[in-house]
Amino acid sequence: MMVLLGHYLGQLFGHTTQRVNYHLGYPVNICYDHYATLAPLLQFHLNNCGDPFLQNTVDFHSKDFEVAVLDWFAQLWEIEKDQYWGYVTNGGTEGNLHGILLGRELLPGGEYYMHQKTLTTQFSKLQECTEWIQKQSTHQ
């Protein structure tokens, strides 16, 4: 099994090394000038689940760093400490899905516009949110 894994990882490394020259940066940035600084942390599986501003039972996380990132943006946009909330996502799709969730909660009668080629994941999440809103409406 280990031989197959090593072979597969070697192929994957070769493929990605070749393809990086043709990558324009979407959906992620490939300019990792900071990788050496972050490399020591890659040996840990940090769990940042839940609200970054609240303590939880999991103490193997980087929530202090996450809050520092949020603080940095709040300061940039001149937002008072008690006037913002958020979390750092793993990517754009997660951020978009969280936006759909917030829209569902804050604007239940609102409309959602998207391109017909929008990610299937986002469309299915939108359907779930819409079904949830319809169920809530019928129970009132």
N, C-alpha and C. Protein backbone atom coordinates (compact mmCIF):
# COMPACT_ATOMS: atom_id res chain seq x y z
N MET A 1 0.82 -1.19 0.00
CA MET A 1 0.00 0.00 0.00
C MET A 1 0.87 1.26 0.00
N MET A 2 1.93 1.27 0.81
CA MET A 2 2.80 2.44 0.88
C MET A 2 3.47 2.71 -0.46
N VAL A 3 3.80 1.66 -1.21
CA VAL A 3 4.43 1.84 -2.52
C VAL A 3 3.45 2.53 -3.47
N LEU A 4 2.18 2.09 -3.45
CA LEU A 4 1.17 2.72 -4.30
C LEU A 4 0.96 4.18 -3.92
N LEU A 5 0.94 4.46 -2.64
CA LEU A 5 0.76 5.83 -2.18
C LEU A 5 1.93 6.69 -2.63
N GLY A 6 3.14 6.20 -2.46
CA GLY A 6 4.32 6.94 -2.89
C GLY A 6 4.30 7.19 -4.39
N HIS A 7 3.90 6.18 -5.15
CA HIS A 7 3.80 6.31 -6.61
C HIS A 7 2.76 7.37 -6.98
N TYR A 8 1.60 7.28 -6.36
CA TYR A 8 0.52 8.23 -6.64
C TYR A 8 0.94 9.65 -6.28
N LEU A 9 1.53 9.83 -5.11
CA LEU A 9 1.96 11.16 -4.69
C LEU A 9 3.04 11.72 -5.62
N GLY A 10 3.93 10.84 -6.10
CA GLY A 10 4.94 11.27 -7.06
C GLY A 10 4.32 11.75 -8.36
N GLN A 11 3.31 11.01 -8.85
CA GLN A 11 2.61 11.42 -10.06
C GLN A 11 1.88 12.75 -9.85
N LEU A 12 1.23 12.87 -8.71
CA LEU A 12 0.50 14.10 -8.41
C LEU A 12 1.46 15.29 -8.34
N PHE A 13 2.59 15.10 -7.69
CA PHE A 13 3.59 16.17 -7.59
C PHE A 13 4.09 16.55 -8.98
N GLY A 14 4.38 15.55 -9.81
CA GLY A 14 4.85 15.83 -11.17
C GLY A 14 3.83 16.59 -11.99
N HIS A 15 2.57 16.17 -11.89
CA HIS A 15 1.50 16.83 -12.64
C HIS A 15 1.32 18.27 -12.18
N THR A 16 1.26 18.48 -10.87
CA THR A 16 1.04 19.85 -10.38
C THR A 16 2.25 20.74 -10.64
N THR A 17 3.44 20.19 -10.58
CA THR A 17 4.64 20.97 -10.90
C THR A 17 4.60 21.44 -12.34
N GLN A 18 4.12 20.57 -13.23
CA GLN A 18 4.01 20.93 -14.64
C GLN A 18 2.90 21.96 -14.86
N ARG A 19 1.74 21.76 -14.24
CA ARG A 19 0.57 22.61 -14.46
C ARG A 19 0.69 23.99 -13.83
N VAL A 20 1.51 24.15 -12.82
CA VAL A 20 1.61 25.44 -12.12
C VAL A 20 2.03 26.56 -13.07
N ASN A 21 2.74 26.23 -14.11
CA ASN A 21 3.17 27.24 -15.08
C ASN A 21 2.02 27.79 -15.91
N TYR A 22 0.88 27.10 -15.89
CA TYR A 22 -0.28 27.51 -16.68
C TYR A 22 -1.44 27.95 -15.80
N HIS A 23 -1.18 28.17 -14.54
CA HIS A 23 -2.22 28.50 -13.57
C HIS A 23 -2.26 30.01 -13.36
N LEU A 24 -3.45 30.61 -13.53
CA LEU A 24 -3.57 32.06 -13.43
C LEU A 24 -3.98 32.53 -12.04
N GLY A 25 -4.21 31.63 -11.11
CA GLY A 25 -4.53 32.05 -9.76
C GLY A 25 -5.93 31.75 -9.31
N TYR A 26 -6.83 31.33 -10.20
CA TYR A 26 -8.17 30.98 -9.77
C TYR A 26 -8.25 29.47 -9.65
N PRO A 27 -8.83 28.92 -8.65
CA PRO A 27 -9.55 29.57 -7.55
C PRO A 27 -8.66 29.93 -6.37
N VAL A 28 -7.40 29.61 -6.42
CA VAL A 28 -6.53 29.96 -5.29
C VAL A 28 -5.27 30.63 -5.81
N ASN A 29 -4.64 31.35 -4.94
CA ASN A 29 -3.39 32.01 -5.28
C ASN A 29 -2.25 30.99 -5.16
N ILE A 30 -1.41 30.90 -6.16
CA ILE A 30 -0.30 29.94 -6.11
C ILE A 30 1.02 30.59 -5.75
N CYS A 31 0.99 31.85 -5.43
CA CYS A 31 2.21 32.56 -5.05
C CYS A 31 2.42 32.39 -3.55
N TYR A 32 3.11 31.34 -3.17
CA TYR A 32 3.29 30.99 -1.76
C TYR A 32 4.63 31.48 -1.23
N ASP A 33 4.80 32.78 -1.20
CA ASP A 33 6.04 33.33 -0.66
C ASP A 33 6.15 33.11 0.84
N HIS A 34 5.03 32.83 1.48
CA HIS A 34 4.97 32.69 2.93
C HIS A 34 5.03 31.23 3.39
N TYR A 35 5.18 30.28 2.48
CA TYR A 35 5.08 28.87 2.85
C TYR A 35 6.13 28.44 3.87
N ALA A 36 7.32 28.98 3.78
CA ALA A 36 8.37 28.57 4.73
C ALA A 36 8.00 28.97 6.15
N THR A 37 7.36 30.11 6.29
CA THR A 37 6.94 30.57 7.61
C THR A 37 5.85 29.68 8.18
N LEU A 38 4.92 29.25 7.33
CA LEU A 38 3.79 28.43 7.78
C LEU A 38 4.09 26.93 7.81
N ALA A 39 5.14 26.50 7.15
CA ALA A 39 5.44 25.08 7.02
C ALA A 39 5.45 24.30 8.34
N PRO A 40 6.01 24.81 9.42
CA PRO A 40 6.00 24.04 10.67
C PRO A 40 4.60 23.70 11.17
N LEU A 41 3.61 24.52 10.82
CA LEU A 41 2.24 24.27 11.28
C LEU A 41 1.54 23.17 10.49
N LEU A 42 2.09 22.79 9.34
CA LEU A 42 1.45 21.79 8.50
C LEU A 42 1.44 20.40 9.13
N GLN A 43 2.21 20.19 10.17
CA GLN A 43 2.21 18.89 10.83
C GLN A 43 1.02 18.72 11.78
N PHE A 44 0.24 19.79 11.97
CA PHE A 44 -0.89 19.74 12.89
C PHE A 44 -2.21 19.87 12.14
N HIS A 45 -3.22 19.18 12.62
CA HIS A 45 -4.57 19.35 12.09
C HIS A 45 -5.33 20.22 13.08
N LEU A 46 -5.30 21.52 12.83
CA LEU A 46 -5.94 22.48 13.74
C LEU A 46 -7.43 22.52 13.45
N ASN A 47 -8.23 22.60 14.49
CA ASN A 47 -9.68 22.56 14.35
C ASN A 47 -10.26 23.90 14.79
N ASN A 48 -10.63 24.72 13.83
CA ASN A 48 -11.18 26.04 14.13
C ASN A 48 -12.71 26.06 14.03
N CYS A 49 -13.35 24.95 14.32
CA CYS A 49 -14.81 24.91 14.20
C CYS A 49 -15.45 25.86 15.20
N GLY A 50 -16.58 26.39 14.79
CA GLY A 50 -17.34 27.26 15.68
C GLY A 50 -16.91 28.72 15.61
N ASP A 51 -17.53 29.49 16.45
CA ASP A 51 -17.34 30.93 16.52
C ASP A 51 -15.92 31.24 17.02
N PRO A 52 -15.13 32.00 16.24
CA PRO A 52 -13.76 32.28 16.67
C PRO A 52 -13.67 33.16 17.92
N PHE A 53 -14.76 33.85 18.24
CA PHE A 53 -14.75 34.74 19.41
C PHE A 53 -15.14 34.02 20.70
N LEU A 54 -15.59 32.77 20.60
CA LEU A 54 -16.01 32.02 21.78
C LEU A 54 -15.04 30.88 22.06
N GLN A 55 -14.82 30.59 23.32
CA GLN A 55 -14.00 29.45 23.71
C GLN A 55 -14.83 28.17 23.54
N ASN A 56 -14.16 27.09 23.22
CA ASN A 56 -14.85 25.81 23.18
C ASN A 56 -13.94 24.74 23.78
N THR A 57 -14.41 23.52 23.76
CA THR A 57 -13.66 22.45 24.41
C THR A 57 -12.45 22.00 23.62
N VAL A 58 -12.40 22.33 22.34
CA VAL A 58 -11.25 21.98 21.50
C VAL A 58 -10.16 23.03 21.72
N ASP A 59 -9.02 22.61 22.21
CA ASP A 59 -7.95 23.58 22.45
C ASP A 59 -6.81 23.47 21.43
N PHE A 60 -7.04 22.75 20.36
CA PHE A 60 -6.03 22.55 19.33
C PHE A 60 -6.47 23.35 18.10
N HIS A 61 -6.34 24.65 18.17
CA HIS A 61 -6.87 25.53 17.13
C HIS A 61 -5.96 26.75 16.95
N SER A 62 -6.33 27.57 15.98
CA SER A 62 -5.60 28.82 15.75
C SER A 62 -6.57 30.00 15.77
N LYS A 63 -7.57 29.93 16.64
CA LYS A 63 -8.59 30.98 16.68
C LYS A 63 -8.02 32.35 17.05
N ASP A 64 -6.99 32.39 17.88
CA ASP A 64 -6.39 33.68 18.21
C ASP A 64 -5.85 34.36 16.95
N PHE A 65 -5.24 33.58 16.09
CA PHE A 65 -4.73 34.10 14.83
C PHE A 65 -5.89 34.52 13.93
N GLU A 66 -6.95 33.70 13.91
CA GLU A 66 -8.14 34.00 13.11
C GLU A 66 -8.75 35.33 13.54
N VAL A 67 -8.89 35.54 14.84
CA VAL A 67 -9.45 36.80 15.35
C VAL A 67 -8.51 37.96 15.01
N ALA A 68 -7.22 37.74 15.05
CA ALA A 68 -6.26 38.79 14.69
C ALA A 68 -6.45 39.21 13.23
N VAL A 69 -6.74 38.26 12.35
CA VAL A 69 -7.01 38.58 10.94
C VAL A 69 -8.27 39.43 10.84
N LEU A 70 -9.32 39.02 11.56
CA LEU A 70 -10.56 39.79 11.56
C LEU A 70 -10.35 41.19 12.12
N ASP A 71 -9.57 41.28 13.20
CA ASP A 71 -9.25 42.58 13.79
C ASP A 71 -8.52 43.48 12.78
N TRP A 72 -7.61 42.89 12.02
CA TRP A 72 -6.85 43.66 11.04
C TRP A 72 -7.78 44.28 10.00
N PHE A 73 -8.73 43.46 9.48
CA PHE A 73 -9.67 43.99 8.50
C PHE A 73 -10.61 45.02 9.12
N ALA A 74 -11.05 44.78 10.34
CA ALA A 74 -11.92 45.74 11.02
C ALA A 74 -11.21 47.08 11.19
N GLN A 75 -9.95 47.03 11.55
CA GLN A 75 -9.18 48.27 11.71
C GLN A 75 -9.01 48.97 10.37
N LEU A 76 -8.75 48.19 9.32
CA LEU A 76 -8.60 48.74 7.98
C LEU A 76 -9.87 49.49 7.56
N TRP A 77 -11.02 48.91 7.88
CA TRP A 77 -12.31 49.50 7.49
C TRP A 77 -12.91 50.38 8.59
N GLU A 78 -12.12 50.64 9.63
CA GLU A 78 -12.53 51.51 10.73
C GLU A 78 -13.84 51.07 11.38
N ILE A 79 -13.93 49.79 11.71
CA ILE A 79 -15.10 49.23 12.38
C ILE A 79 -14.75 49.03 13.85
N GLU A 80 -15.63 49.48 14.72
CA GLU A 80 -15.41 49.35 16.16
C GLU A 80 -15.39 47.88 16.58
N LYS A 81 -14.64 47.59 17.61
CA LYS A 81 -14.43 46.21 18.08
C LYS A 81 -15.74 45.45 18.31
N ASP A 82 -16.74 46.09 18.87
CA ASP A 82 -17.99 45.38 19.17
C ASP A 82 -19.01 45.44 18.03
N GLN A 83 -18.58 45.91 16.85
CA GLN A 83 -19.50 46.09 15.73
C GLN A 83 -19.27 45.11 14.58
N TYR A 84 -18.44 44.11 14.77
CA TYR A 84 -18.21 43.15 13.69
C TYR A 84 -18.11 41.74 14.22
N TRP A 85 -18.34 40.83 13.32
CA TRP A 85 -18.20 39.40 13.60
C TRP A 85 -17.84 38.75 12.29
N GLY A 86 -17.22 37.62 12.34
CA GLY A 86 -16.91 36.89 11.12
C GLY A 86 -15.99 35.73 11.43
N TYR A 87 -15.55 35.09 10.39
CA TYR A 87 -14.57 34.02 10.51
C TYR A 87 -13.79 33.92 9.22
N VAL A 88 -12.66 33.28 9.25
CA VAL A 88 -11.81 33.13 8.08
C VAL A 88 -12.18 31.83 7.39
N THR A 89 -12.57 31.92 6.12
CA THR A 89 -12.99 30.73 5.39
C THR A 89 -11.79 30.01 4.78
N ASN A 90 -12.04 28.80 4.31
CA ASN A 90 -11.01 28.03 3.64
C ASN A 90 -10.94 28.33 2.16
N GLY A 91 -11.91 29.06 1.64
CA GLY A 91 -11.92 29.37 0.22
C GLY A 91 -13.16 30.15 -0.17
N GLY A 92 -13.22 30.53 -1.43
CA GLY A 92 -14.33 31.33 -1.91
C GLY A 92 -15.67 30.64 -1.85
N THR A 93 -15.72 29.34 -2.14
CA THR A 93 -16.99 28.63 -2.12
C THR A 93 -17.60 28.67 -0.73
N GLU A 94 -16.79 28.42 0.28
CA GLU A 94 -17.31 28.47 1.65
C GLU A 94 -17.81 29.87 1.98
N GLY A 95 -17.09 30.88 1.55
CA GLY A 95 -17.53 32.26 1.78
C GLY A 95 -18.84 32.55 1.09
N ASN A 96 -18.99 32.07 -0.15
CA ASN A 96 -20.24 32.27 -0.88
C ASN A 96 -21.40 31.56 -0.19
N LEU A 97 -21.17 30.33 0.26
CA LEU A 97 -22.23 29.58 0.94
C LEU A 97 -22.63 30.25 2.25
N HIS A 98 -21.66 30.80 2.95
CA HIS A 98 -21.99 31.51 4.19
C HIS A 98 -22.80 32.77 3.87
N GLY A 99 -22.48 33.41 2.77
CA GLY A 99 -23.26 34.57 2.33
C GLY A 99 -24.70 34.19 2.03
N ILE A 100 -24.90 33.02 1.40
CA ILE A 100 -26.26 32.54 1.14
C ILE A 100 -26.99 32.31 2.46
N LEU A 101 -26.31 31.70 3.41
CA LEU A 101 -26.92 31.45 4.72
C LEU A 101 -27.32 32.76 5.39
N LEU A 102 -26.42 33.75 5.38
CA LEU A 102 -26.75 35.04 5.99
C LEU A 102 -27.92 35.71 5.26
N GLY A 103 -27.93 35.61 3.95
CA GLY A 103 -29.04 36.17 3.18
C GLY A 103 -30.36 35.52 3.54
N ARG A 104 -30.32 34.21 3.71
CA ARG A 104 -31.53 33.48 4.10
C ARG A 104 -32.03 33.96 5.45
N GLU A 105 -31.11 34.18 6.38
CA GLU A 105 -31.49 34.57 7.74
C GLU A 105 -31.94 36.03 7.81
N LEU A 106 -31.22 36.91 7.13
CA LEU A 106 -31.49 38.34 7.26
C LEU A 106 -32.52 38.87 6.27
N LEU A 107 -32.63 38.23 5.12
CA LEU A 107 -33.56 38.68 4.08
C LEU A 107 -34.37 37.49 3.56
N PRO A 108 -35.26 36.92 4.38
CA PRO A 108 -35.96 35.70 3.99
C PRO A 108 -36.79 35.83 2.72
N GLY A 109 -37.24 37.02 2.39
CA GLY A 109 -38.01 37.20 1.16
C GLY A 109 -37.16 37.69 0.01
N GLY A 110 -35.86 37.77 0.22
CA GLY A 110 -34.96 38.31 -0.79
C GLY A 110 -34.78 37.39 -1.99
N GLU A 111 -34.19 37.94 -3.02
CA GLU A 111 -33.92 37.17 -4.23
C GLU A 111 -32.42 36.92 -4.35
N TYR A 112 -32.09 35.81 -4.98
CA TYR A 112 -30.70 35.43 -5.16
C TYR A 112 -30.45 35.31 -6.65
N TYR A 113 -29.50 36.06 -7.17
CA TYR A 113 -29.17 36.03 -8.59
C TYR A 113 -27.83 35.33 -8.77
N MET A 114 -27.78 34.45 -9.76
CA MET A 114 -26.52 33.78 -10.05
C MET A 114 -26.48 33.42 -11.52
N HIS A 115 -25.30 33.26 -12.03
CA HIS A 115 -25.09 32.86 -13.41
C HIS A 115 -25.51 31.41 -13.57
N GLN A 116 -25.97 31.05 -14.74
CA GLN A 116 -26.42 29.67 -14.97
C GLN A 116 -25.30 28.65 -14.82
N LYS A 117 -24.06 29.09 -14.90
CA LYS A 117 -22.94 28.17 -14.75
C LYS A 117 -22.36 28.18 -13.33
N THR A 118 -23.14 28.74 -12.39
CA THR A 118 -22.69 28.78 -11.00
C THR A 118 -22.42 27.37 -10.51
N LEU A 119 -21.47 27.27 -9.60
CA LEU A 119 -21.12 25.96 -9.04
C LEU A 119 -22.36 25.20 -8.59
N THR A 120 -22.42 23.94 -8.92
CA THR A 120 -23.53 23.08 -8.51
C THR A 120 -23.71 23.10 -7.01
N THR A 121 -22.62 23.15 -6.27
CA THR A 121 -22.69 23.18 -4.81
C THR A 121 -23.49 24.38 -4.34
N GLN A 122 -23.23 25.53 -4.89
CA GLN A 122 -23.94 26.73 -4.47
C GLN A 122 -25.41 26.63 -4.82
N PHE A 123 -25.71 26.10 -6.00
CA PHE A 123 -27.11 25.98 -6.40
C PHE A 123 -27.85 25.02 -5.47
N SER A 124 -27.22 23.89 -5.13
CA SER A 124 -27.89 22.93 -4.24
C SER A 124 -28.07 23.53 -2.85
N LYS A 125 -27.10 24.30 -2.36
CA LYS A 125 -27.24 24.96 -1.06
C LYS A 125 -28.35 26.00 -1.10
N LEU A 126 -28.45 26.71 -2.21
CA LEU A 126 -29.53 27.68 -2.35
C LEU A 126 -30.88 26.97 -2.30
N GLN A 127 -30.97 25.82 -2.97
CA GLN A 127 -32.22 25.04 -2.91
C GLN A 127 -32.54 24.63 -1.48
N GLU A 128 -31.53 24.15 -0.74
CA GLU A 128 -31.75 23.76 0.65
C GLU A 128 -32.24 24.94 1.47
N CYS A 129 -31.63 26.10 1.28
CA CYS A 129 -32.05 27.29 2.02
C CYS A 129 -33.48 27.68 1.66
N THR A 130 -33.81 27.62 0.37
CA THR A 130 -35.16 27.96 -0.07
C THR A 130 -36.17 27.00 0.51
N GLU A 131 -35.86 25.70 0.49
CA GLU A 131 -36.77 24.71 1.07
C GLU A 131 -36.95 24.97 2.56
N TRP A 132 -35.89 25.35 3.26
CA TRP A 132 -35.98 25.64 4.68
C TRP A 132 -36.91 26.83 4.91
N ILE A 133 -36.78 27.88 4.08
CA ILE A 133 -37.62 29.06 4.22
C ILE A 133 -39.08 28.69 3.98
N GLN A 134 -39.33 27.87 2.95
CA GLN A 134 -40.71 27.48 2.65
C GLN A 134 -41.31 26.67 3.79
N LYS A 135 -40.53 25.77 4.38
CA LYS A 135 -41.02 24.98 5.52
C LYS A 135 -41.36 25.88 6.69
N GLN A 136 -40.48 26.86 6.96
CA GLN A 136 -40.73 27.77 8.08
C GLN A 136 -41.99 28.58 7.84
N SER A 137 -42.23 28.98 6.58
CA SER A 137 -43.41 29.78 6.25
C SER A 137 -44.69 29.00 6.47
N THR A 138 -44.68 27.72 6.13
CA THR A 138 -45.90 26.92 6.26
C THR A 138 -46.20 26.55 7.70
N HIS A 139 -45.19 26.60 8.58
CA HIS A 139 -45.40 26.25 9.99
C HIS A 139 -45.83 27.44 10.83
N GLN A 140 -45.89 28.62 10.25
CA GLN A 140 -46.25 29.81 11.05
C GLN A 140 -47.73 30.06 11.05
